[in-house]
Amino acid sequence: GQGVVETFPRLEADERGLLKIDPETMQTSVERVYAGGDIVSGGGTAVQAVADAKKAVASIVALLGGTQGGPSAAASNGPVRTGDGKGGGRR
């Protein structure tokens, strides 16, 4: 099958076909596109994939003008408005 780089040619990959990212923000070579987990590490643990996701979430929250301060700050800002008027979830 096709790899992610063939499907999305603007994404940069290394010689092993893994996406190049900023390890602090998890942003790829394409602005506002983030990645983590196996496509970045080549097959890490679920714990590492979750840690990658938390970094990406913190970066996205900061990009959108939310609280800066890492994944724990991004995850503790209260309910999210879902569009149905009921709220729920976490920011």
Protein backbone atom coordinates (compact mmCIF):
# COMPACT_ATOMS: atom_id res chain seq x y z
CA GLY A 1 0.00 0.00 0.00
CA GLN A 2 0.89 3.64 -0.16
CA GLY A 3 2.71 5.27 2.70
CA VAL A 4 1.67 8.51 4.31
CA VAL A 5 4.37 10.47 2.45
CA GLU A 6 3.13 9.22 -0.92
CA THR A 7 -0.42 10.12 0.07
CA PHE A 8 0.59 13.53 1.48
CA PRO A 9 3.72 14.50 -0.48
CA ARG A 10 4.34 17.76 1.42
CA LEU A 11 5.22 15.77 4.55
CA GLU A 12 8.94 15.19 4.95
CA ALA A 13 10.22 11.77 5.96
CA ASP A 14 13.60 10.39 6.92
CA GLU A 15 15.44 7.58 5.16
CA ARG A 16 13.33 4.98 7.02
CA GLY A 17 10.06 6.58 5.90
CA LEU A 18 9.26 8.02 9.34
CA LEU A 19 7.82 11.52 9.49
CA LYS A 20 10.14 14.32 10.48
CA ILE A 21 8.68 16.33 13.34
CA ASP A 22 9.67 18.98 15.83
CA PRO A 23 10.10 16.83 18.98
CA GLU A 24 8.95 19.68 21.24
CA THR A 25 5.67 20.39 19.44
CA MET A 26 5.13 17.23 17.34
CA GLN A 27 4.49 19.47 14.30
CA THR A 28 5.45 17.96 10.95
CA SER A 29 7.08 19.79 8.07
CA VAL A 30 3.60 21.04 7.14
CA GLU A 31 2.34 23.91 9.27
CA ARG A 32 -0.54 22.91 11.58
CA VAL A 33 -0.11 19.18 10.88
CA TYR A 34 1.00 17.13 13.88
CA ALA A 35 2.05 13.50 14.19
CA GLY A 36 3.15 11.01 16.81
CA GLY A 37 3.30 7.33 17.58
CA ASP A 38 4.54 4.69 15.15
CA ILE A 39 4.64 7.00 12.10
CA VAL A 40 7.25 9.05 13.96
CA SER A 41 9.07 6.44 16.07
CA GLY A 42 8.87 3.37 13.88
CA GLY A 43 7.15 1.27 16.49
CA GLY A 44 7.31 2.45 20.06
CA THR A 45 5.07 1.75 22.99
CA ALA A 46 1.50 2.83 23.59
CA VAL A 47 2.80 4.95 26.46
CA GLN A 48 5.09 6.84 24.07
CA ALA A 49 2.24 7.33 21.57
CA VAL A 50 0.08 8.84 24.33
CA ALA A 51 2.94 11.10 25.41
CA ASP A 52 3.32 12.23 21.78
CA ALA A 53 -0.40 12.96 21.62
CA LYS A 54 -0.25 15.04 24.81
CA LYS A 55 2.60 17.13 23.38
CA ALA A 56 0.67 17.66 20.16
CA VAL A 57 -2.48 18.66 22.04
CA ALA A 58 -0.56 21.20 24.13
CA SER A 59 0.93 22.65 20.94
CA ILE A 60 -2.44 22.85 19.21
CA VAL A 61 -4.06 24.48 22.25
CA ALA A 62 -1.26 27.06 22.32
CA LEU A 63 -1.64 27.65 18.57
CA LEU A 64 -5.35 28.28 19.01
CA GLY A 65 -4.70 30.81 21.75
CA GLY A 66 -5.36 28.58 24.73
CA THR A 67 -3.28 28.06 27.81
CA GLN A 68 0.38 27.40 27.31
CA GLY A 69 2.18 25.27 29.81
CA GLY A 70 2.29 21.72 28.55
CA PRO A 71 -0.11 18.83 28.29
CA SER A 72 -1.35 18.96 31.88
CA ALA A 73 -2.37 22.61 31.49
CA ALA A 74 -4.07 21.87 28.18
CA ALA A 75 -6.02 18.98 29.70
CA SER A 76 -7.27 20.84 32.77
CA ASN A 77 -9.11 23.84 31.38
CA GLY A 78 -12.66 22.62 31.98
CA PRO A 79 -15.50 21.55 29.70
CA VAL A 80 -15.45 21.98 25.95
CA ARG A 81 -18.43 23.37 24.09
CA THR A 82 -19.44 20.68 21.63
CA GLY A 83 -21.85 22.65 19.47
CA ASP A 84 -24.90 20.86 20.84
CA GLY A 85 -25.09 23.22 23.81
CA LYS A 86 -24.48 20.41 26.30
CA GLY A 87 -20.73 20.82 26.81
CA GLY A 88 -18.76 17.86 28.02
CA GLY A 89 -15.31 16.48 27.49
CA ARG A 90 -12.16 18.32 28.44
CA ARG A 91 -10.16 21.03 26.76
